[in-house]
Amino acid sequence: MGIKNVSVSSAGITAKKEPIHPEVIIDLQKLGISCKKHTQRKLTKEILAKNDLVIAMAYIHKKFIKEKFGITVPLFNAIAIGKNTSIYDIEDIVRNYAIDKKAVNTYIGKTITYIYTKTPALYKKIEKLM
C-alpha cells in the first residue's frame, strides 16, 4: 500500500479470547497482509494514552470511548471519506450470523476490501492533521 512511518494497533470494546475468523485470515492474505501476530485485546486507558490518534470504526465504539474514557474520537469514515457513518460489525448486518456462513464470509470480504481501499485516503488526511 506504500504507507510508511505509521504504526497501527487495534483494540476492541468487547474483545474475547478467540481465534481470528478463518475468512478474515484468507481475505487479509489475499491483500498481502499477515495477521499472525494479531491478538485480540480490550481497549484500556493505557492503550488510548499510548496512541497519537484513536479512530473508531462504528458509532457504538465512538460512544463507548466517550462514555467510558471521556475522549471524543473520530470515525474512520469521517476522516477517510468525509461521512460520519459507521463500519458495522457482522452482528449488526447479518441477522443469522451464527448460522449464515455465506453471508458472514461475504460481509467480511466486503468490509476488509472497503477498509483496505479507503486507508490511503485516511492516511493522506491524517498526514495533514499531524
N, C-alpha and C. Protein backbone atom coordinates (compact mmCIF):
# COMPACT_ATOMS: atom_id res chain seq x y z
N MET A 1 0.82 -1.19 0.00
CA MET A 1 0.00 0.00 0.00
C MET A 1 0.87 1.26 0.00
N GLY A 2 2.11 1.15 0.41
CA GLY A 2 3.04 2.26 0.34
C GLY A 2 2.96 3.25 1.49
N ILE A 3 2.30 2.92 2.56
CA ILE A 3 2.21 3.81 3.71
C ILE A 3 3.34 3.45 4.67
N LYS A 4 4.18 4.45 4.97
CA LYS A 4 5.34 4.20 5.82
C LYS A 4 5.31 5.10 7.04
N ASN A 5 6.13 4.75 8.03
CA ASN A 5 6.30 5.53 9.25
C ASN A 5 5.02 5.70 10.06
N VAL A 6 4.14 4.73 9.97
CA VAL A 6 2.91 4.74 10.76
C VAL A 6 2.79 3.40 11.44
N SER A 7 2.50 3.45 12.72
CA SER A 7 2.26 2.23 13.49
C SER A 7 0.78 2.17 13.82
N VAL A 8 0.16 1.05 13.53
CA VAL A 8 -1.27 0.88 13.75
C VAL A 8 -1.47 -0.24 14.76
N SER A 9 -2.37 -0.01 15.69
CA SER A 9 -2.73 -1.06 16.63
C SER A 9 -4.25 -1.15 16.70
N SER A 10 -4.72 -2.20 17.30
CA SER A 10 -6.15 -2.45 17.33
C SER A 10 -6.57 -2.91 18.72
N ALA A 11 -7.74 -2.46 19.13
CA ALA A 11 -8.33 -2.92 20.39
C ALA A 11 -9.84 -2.81 20.24
N GLY A 12 -10.53 -3.71 20.89
CA GLY A 12 -11.98 -3.72 20.77
C GLY A 12 -12.67 -3.37 22.08
N ILE A 13 -13.95 -3.10 21.99
CA ILE A 13 -14.69 -2.76 23.20
C ILE A 13 -15.23 -4.00 23.89
N THR A 14 -15.23 -5.14 23.18
CA THR A 14 -15.68 -6.41 23.77
C THR A 14 -14.78 -7.56 23.33
N ALA A 15 -13.49 -7.34 23.31
CA ALA A 15 -12.55 -8.37 22.84
C ALA A 15 -12.65 -9.63 23.68
N LYS A 16 -12.62 -10.77 23.00
CA LYS A 16 -12.68 -12.07 23.66
C LYS A 16 -11.49 -12.91 23.21
N LYS A 17 -11.10 -13.84 24.04
CA LYS A 17 -10.02 -14.77 23.67
C LYS A 17 -10.59 -15.79 22.70
N GLU A 18 -10.46 -15.53 21.41
CA GLU A 18 -10.92 -16.45 20.39
C GLU A 18 -10.05 -16.28 19.16
N PRO A 19 -9.96 -17.29 18.35
CA PRO A 19 -9.12 -17.18 17.15
C PRO A 19 -9.74 -16.22 16.13
N ILE A 20 -8.90 -15.72 15.27
CA ILE A 20 -9.38 -14.86 14.18
C ILE A 20 -10.25 -15.71 13.26
N HIS A 21 -11.34 -15.14 12.81
CA HIS A 21 -12.25 -15.83 11.90
C HIS A 21 -11.45 -16.27 10.66
N PRO A 22 -11.58 -17.53 10.25
CA PRO A 22 -10.81 -18.04 9.11
C PRO A 22 -10.97 -17.21 7.83
N GLU A 23 -12.15 -16.67 7.60
CA GLU A 23 -12.37 -15.85 6.40
C GLU A 23 -11.59 -14.55 6.47
N VAL A 24 -11.42 -14.01 7.65
CA VAL A 24 -10.62 -12.80 7.82
C VAL A 24 -9.17 -13.09 7.42
N ILE A 25 -8.65 -14.21 7.88
CA ILE A 25 -7.27 -14.59 7.53
C ILE A 25 -7.11 -14.71 6.03
N ILE A 26 -8.04 -15.40 5.39
CA ILE A 26 -7.98 -15.60 3.93
C ILE A 26 -8.03 -14.27 3.19
N ASP A 27 -8.98 -13.43 3.57
CA ASP A 27 -9.13 -12.14 2.88
C ASP A 27 -7.92 -11.24 3.09
N LEU A 28 -7.35 -11.23 4.28
CA LEU A 28 -6.15 -10.44 4.53
C LEU A 28 -4.96 -10.98 3.74
N GLN A 29 -4.81 -12.28 3.68
CA GLN A 29 -3.72 -12.89 2.92
C GLN A 29 -3.82 -12.54 1.44
N LYS A 30 -5.02 -12.48 0.91
CA LYS A 30 -5.22 -12.09 -0.50
C LYS A 30 -4.67 -10.69 -0.77
N LEU A 31 -4.68 -9.85 0.26
CA LEU A 31 -4.18 -8.48 0.13
C LEU A 31 -2.72 -8.36 0.54
N GLY A 32 -2.10 -9.49 0.88
CA GLY A 32 -0.70 -9.48 1.30
C GLY A 32 -0.50 -9.03 2.73
N ILE A 33 -1.52 -9.16 3.56
CA ILE A 33 -1.45 -8.73 4.95
C ILE A 33 -1.40 -9.95 5.86
N SER A 34 -0.41 -9.98 6.73
CA SER A 34 -0.28 -11.07 7.68
C SER A 34 -0.93 -10.67 9.01
N CYS A 35 -1.67 -11.59 9.59
CA CYS A 35 -2.27 -11.32 10.90
C CYS A 35 -1.76 -12.32 11.94
N LYS A 36 -0.61 -12.91 11.67
CA LYS A 36 -0.06 -13.92 12.57
C LYS A 36 0.21 -13.38 13.97
N LYS A 37 0.60 -12.13 14.07
CA LYS A 37 0.94 -11.56 15.38
C LYS A 37 -0.26 -10.91 16.08
N HIS A 38 -1.40 -10.92 15.43
CA HIS A 38 -2.58 -10.24 16.00
C HIS A 38 -3.16 -11.04 17.16
N THR A 39 -3.42 -10.34 18.22
CA THR A 39 -4.16 -10.91 19.35
C THR A 39 -5.24 -9.92 19.74
N GLN A 40 -6.39 -10.43 20.07
CA GLN A 40 -7.47 -9.55 20.48
C GLN A 40 -7.17 -8.99 21.86
N ARG A 41 -7.52 -7.74 22.05
CA ARG A 41 -7.36 -7.12 23.35
C ARG A 41 -8.44 -6.07 23.54
N LYS A 42 -8.79 -5.86 24.78
CA LYS A 42 -9.83 -4.89 25.11
C LYS A 42 -9.21 -3.51 25.28
N LEU A 43 -9.92 -2.51 24.79
CA LEU A 43 -9.46 -1.14 24.88
C LEU A 43 -9.35 -0.70 26.34
N THR A 44 -8.23 -0.05 26.66
CA THR A 44 -7.99 0.46 28.02
C THR A 44 -7.51 1.91 27.93
N LYS A 45 -7.51 2.59 29.07
CA LYS A 45 -7.00 3.96 29.06
C LYS A 45 -5.50 3.99 28.77
N GLU A 46 -4.80 2.91 29.12
CA GLU A 46 -3.36 2.84 28.82
C GLU A 46 -3.12 2.75 27.31
N ILE A 47 -3.94 1.97 26.63
CA ILE A 47 -3.82 1.87 25.17
C ILE A 47 -4.13 3.22 24.54
N LEU A 48 -5.18 3.87 25.01
CA LEU A 48 -5.53 5.19 24.47
C LEU A 48 -4.39 6.19 24.66
N ALA A 49 -3.75 6.16 25.83
CA ALA A 49 -2.68 7.11 26.14
C ALA A 49 -1.44 6.90 25.28
N LYS A 50 -1.22 5.68 24.81
CA LYS A 50 -0.02 5.36 24.03
C LYS A 50 -0.13 5.77 22.56
N ASN A 51 -1.30 6.18 22.11
CA ASN A 51 -1.51 6.47 20.70
C ASN A 51 -1.75 7.94 20.44
N ASP A 52 -1.20 8.43 19.33
CA ASP A 52 -1.38 9.83 18.94
C ASP A 52 -2.79 10.10 18.42
N LEU A 53 -3.37 9.10 17.79
CA LEU A 53 -4.69 9.25 17.21
C LEU A 53 -5.46 7.95 17.39
N VAL A 54 -6.67 8.04 17.86
CA VAL A 54 -7.55 6.88 18.01
C VAL A 54 -8.73 7.10 17.08
N ILE A 55 -9.04 6.08 16.31
CA ILE A 55 -10.14 6.16 15.35
C ILE A 55 -11.10 5.01 15.63
N ALA A 56 -12.38 5.33 15.69
CA ALA A 56 -13.41 4.31 15.89
C ALA A 56 -13.95 3.87 14.54
N MET A 57 -14.32 2.61 14.46
CA MET A 57 -14.87 2.10 13.21
C MET A 57 -16.38 2.34 13.14
N ALA A 58 -17.05 2.28 14.27
CA ALA A 58 -18.51 2.44 14.30
C ALA A 58 -18.92 3.43 15.38
N TYR A 59 -20.10 3.99 15.20
CA TYR A 59 -20.60 4.95 16.18
C TYR A 59 -20.67 4.35 17.58
N ILE A 60 -21.03 3.08 17.69
CA ILE A 60 -21.13 2.45 19.02
C ILE A 60 -19.76 2.43 19.71
N HIS A 61 -18.69 2.27 18.94
CA HIS A 61 -17.33 2.30 19.50
C HIS A 61 -16.99 3.72 19.97
N LYS A 62 -17.34 4.68 19.12
CA LYS A 62 -17.09 6.09 19.45
C LYS A 62 -17.83 6.47 20.74
N LYS A 63 -19.09 6.05 20.85
CA LYS A 63 -19.91 6.32 22.03
C LYS A 63 -19.30 5.66 23.28
N PHE A 64 -18.87 4.42 23.14
CA PHE A 64 -18.24 3.69 24.25
C PHE A 64 -17.01 4.44 24.76
N ILE A 65 -16.16 4.87 23.85
CA ILE A 65 -14.92 5.58 24.23
C ILE A 65 -15.25 6.89 24.94
N LYS A 66 -16.25 7.59 24.46
CA LYS A 66 -16.65 8.85 25.10
C LYS A 66 -17.21 8.60 26.50
N GLU A 67 -18.09 7.59 26.63
CA GLU A 67 -18.72 7.32 27.92
C GLU A 67 -17.75 6.73 28.94
N LYS A 68 -16.90 5.81 28.51
CA LYS A 68 -16.00 5.11 29.44
C LYS A 68 -14.74 5.92 29.76
N PHE A 69 -14.20 6.62 28.74
CA PHE A 69 -12.91 7.29 28.92
C PHE A 69 -12.97 8.82 28.81
N GLY A 70 -14.12 9.36 28.43
CA GLY A 70 -14.26 10.80 28.30
C GLY A 70 -13.52 11.40 27.13
N ILE A 71 -13.25 10.59 26.12
CA ILE A 71 -12.48 11.04 24.96
C ILE A 71 -13.37 10.99 23.72
N THR A 72 -13.35 12.07 22.95
CA THR A 72 -14.08 12.11 21.70
C THR A 72 -13.12 11.72 20.57
N VAL A 73 -13.50 10.70 19.82
CA VAL A 73 -12.67 10.22 18.72
C VAL A 73 -13.46 10.28 17.42
N PRO A 74 -12.76 10.42 16.29
CA PRO A 74 -13.46 10.44 15.00
C PRO A 74 -13.76 9.03 14.51
N LEU A 75 -14.68 8.94 13.58
CA LEU A 75 -14.95 7.69 12.91
C LEU A 75 -14.03 7.55 11.70
N PHE A 76 -13.70 6.32 11.38
CA PHE A 76 -12.88 6.01 10.20
C PHE A 76 -13.46 6.70 8.96
N ASN A 77 -14.75 6.51 8.72
CA ASN A 77 -15.37 7.09 7.53
C ASN A 77 -15.37 8.61 7.54
N ALA A 78 -15.46 9.21 8.72
CA ALA A 78 -15.46 10.67 8.79
C ALA A 78 -14.15 11.23 8.25
N ILE A 79 -13.06 10.56 8.58
CA ILE A 79 -11.77 11.02 8.08
C ILE A 79 -11.55 10.56 6.64
N ALA A 80 -11.76 9.30 6.36
CA ALA A 80 -11.42 8.73 5.06
C ALA A 80 -12.28 9.27 3.92
N ILE A 81 -13.60 9.38 4.15
CA ILE A 81 -14.49 9.77 3.04
C ILE A 81 -15.35 10.99 3.36
N GLY A 82 -15.15 11.58 4.53
CA GLY A 82 -15.90 12.78 4.89
C GLY A 82 -17.36 12.54 5.25
N LYS A 83 -17.69 11.30 5.61
CA LYS A 83 -19.06 10.97 6.02
C LYS A 83 -19.03 10.37 7.41
N ASN A 84 -19.85 10.88 8.29
CA ASN A 84 -19.88 10.44 9.68
C ASN A 84 -20.75 9.18 9.80
N THR A 85 -20.28 8.09 9.18
CA THR A 85 -21.02 6.84 9.15
C THR A 85 -20.17 5.70 9.70
N SER A 86 -20.85 4.66 10.16
CA SER A 86 -20.19 3.51 10.78
C SER A 86 -19.78 2.46 9.76
N ILE A 87 -18.76 1.70 10.15
CA ILE A 87 -18.45 0.42 9.52
C ILE A 87 -18.94 -0.59 10.54
N TYR A 88 -19.97 -1.31 10.20
CA TYR A 88 -20.66 -2.15 11.16
C TYR A 88 -20.00 -3.51 11.36
N ASP A 89 -20.19 -4.06 12.55
CA ASP A 89 -19.76 -5.41 12.86
C ASP A 89 -20.72 -6.41 12.22
N ILE A 90 -20.27 -7.63 12.06
CA ILE A 90 -21.07 -8.69 11.44
C ILE A 90 -22.44 -8.82 12.12
N GLU A 91 -22.43 -8.80 13.45
CA GLU A 91 -23.68 -8.99 14.20
C GLU A 91 -24.71 -7.92 13.89
N ASP A 92 -24.26 -6.74 13.47
CA ASP A 92 -25.16 -5.64 13.16
C ASP A 92 -25.77 -5.76 11.76
N ILE A 93 -25.14 -6.52 10.90
CA ILE A 93 -25.56 -6.60 9.49
C ILE A 93 -26.19 -7.94 9.13
N VAL A 94 -25.55 -9.03 9.56
CA VAL A 94 -26.03 -10.37 9.19
C VAL A 94 -26.94 -10.88 10.29
N ARG A 95 -28.22 -10.94 10.01
CA ARG A 95 -29.22 -11.31 11.01
C ARG A 95 -28.91 -12.65 11.67
N ASN A 96 -28.65 -13.67 10.90
CA ASN A 96 -28.38 -15.01 11.42
C ASN A 96 -26.89 -15.33 11.33
N TYR A 97 -26.07 -14.42 11.84
CA TYR A 97 -24.63 -14.55 11.68
C TYR A 97 -24.05 -15.84 12.24
N ALA A 98 -24.69 -16.41 13.24
CA ALA A 98 -24.17 -17.65 13.84
C ALA A 98 -24.34 -18.85 12.91
N ILE A 99 -25.29 -18.78 11.98
CA ILE A 99 -25.52 -19.93 11.10
C ILE A 99 -25.38 -19.61 9.61
N ASP A 100 -25.47 -18.34 9.24
CA ASP A 100 -25.40 -17.97 7.82
C ASP A 100 -23.95 -17.67 7.42
N LYS A 101 -23.18 -18.73 7.26
CA LYS A 101 -21.74 -18.60 6.98
C LYS A 101 -21.46 -17.87 5.68
N LYS A 102 -22.29 -18.10 4.66
CA LYS A 102 -22.08 -17.45 3.37
C LYS A 102 -22.21 -15.93 3.49
N ALA A 103 -23.27 -15.48 4.18
CA ALA A 103 -23.47 -14.05 4.37
C ALA A 103 -22.34 -13.44 5.21
N VAL A 104 -21.92 -14.17 6.22
CA VAL A 104 -20.82 -13.70 7.07
C VAL A 104 -19.55 -13.55 6.24
N ASN A 105 -19.21 -14.56 5.47
CA ASN A 105 -17.99 -14.53 4.66
C ASN A 105 -18.05 -13.40 3.62
N THR A 106 -19.20 -13.20 3.03
CA THR A 106 -19.37 -12.12 2.05
C THR A 106 -19.16 -10.77 2.72
N TYR A 107 -19.78 -10.57 3.89
CA TYR A 107 -19.66 -9.29 4.58
C TYR A 107 -18.22 -9.05 5.04
N ILE A 108 -17.57 -10.07 5.54
CA ILE A 108 -16.17 -9.93 5.95
C ILE A 108 -15.32 -9.48 4.77
N GLY A 109 -15.47 -10.16 3.65
CA GLY A 109 -14.69 -9.81 2.46
C GLY A 109 -14.93 -8.38 2.01
N LYS A 110 -16.18 -7.96 1.98
CA LYS A 110 -16.51 -6.59 1.57
C LYS A 110 -15.94 -5.57 2.55
N THR A 111 -16.03 -5.87 3.83
CA THR A 111 -15.54 -4.93 4.85
C THR A 111 -14.03 -4.78 4.79
N ILE A 112 -13.32 -5.89 4.68
CA ILE A 112 -11.86 -5.83 4.60
C ILE A 112 -11.43 -5.08 3.35
N THR A 113 -12.05 -5.37 2.23
CA THR A 113 -11.72 -4.67 0.98
C THR A 113 -12.02 -3.18 1.10
N TYR A 114 -13.15 -2.85 1.71
CA TYR A 114 -13.52 -1.45 1.88
C TYR A 114 -12.47 -0.71 2.72
N ILE A 115 -12.14 -1.26 3.86
CA ILE A 115 -11.15 -0.61 4.74
C ILE A 115 -9.80 -0.49 4.02
N TYR A 116 -9.40 -1.54 3.34
CA TYR A 116 -8.12 -1.54 2.62
C TYR A 116 -8.09 -0.45 1.54
N THR A 117 -9.18 -0.31 0.80
CA THR A 117 -9.19 0.67 -0.29
C THR A 117 -9.34 2.11 0.22
N LYS A 118 -9.91 2.29 1.39
CA LYS A 118 -10.09 3.64 1.94
C LYS A 118 -8.93 4.10 2.82
N THR A 119 -8.07 3.18 3.21
CA THR A 119 -6.95 3.54 4.10
C THR A 119 -5.99 4.57 3.49
N PRO A 120 -5.65 4.50 2.20
CA PRO A 120 -4.77 5.56 1.66
C PRO A 120 -5.36 6.97 1.81
N ALA A 121 -6.65 7.12 1.58
CA ALA A 121 -7.30 8.42 1.74
C ALA A 121 -7.27 8.85 3.21
N LEU A 122 -7.51 7.89 4.10
CA LEU A 122 -7.44 8.16 5.53
C LEU A 122 -6.04 8.66 5.89
N TYR A 123 -5.04 7.96 5.41
CA TYR A 123 -3.65 8.30 5.71
C TYR A 123 -3.31 9.72 5.22
N LYS A 124 -3.71 10.05 4.01
CA LYS A 124 -3.42 11.38 3.46
C LYS A 124 -4.05 12.48 4.30
N LYS A 125 -5.25 12.25 4.76
CA LYS A 125 -5.93 13.25 5.58
C LYS A 125 -5.32 13.34 6.97
N ILE A 126 -4.89 12.21 7.52
CA ILE A 126 -4.22 12.22 8.82
C ILE A 126 -2.89 12.96 8.72
N GLU A 127 -2.18 12.74 7.63
CA GLU A 127 -0.90 13.44 7.42
C GLU A 127 -1.07 14.94 7.53
N LYS A 128 -2.14 15.44 6.98
CA LYS A 128 -2.42 16.89 7.02
C LYS A 128 -2.76 17.37 8.41
N LEU A 129 -3.37 16.47 9.23
CA LEU A 129 -3.77 16.82 10.59
C LEU A 129 -2.58 16.85 11.54
N MET A 130 -1.59 16.03 11.28
CA MET A 130 -0.49 15.85 12.23
C MET A 130 0.59 16.88 12.05
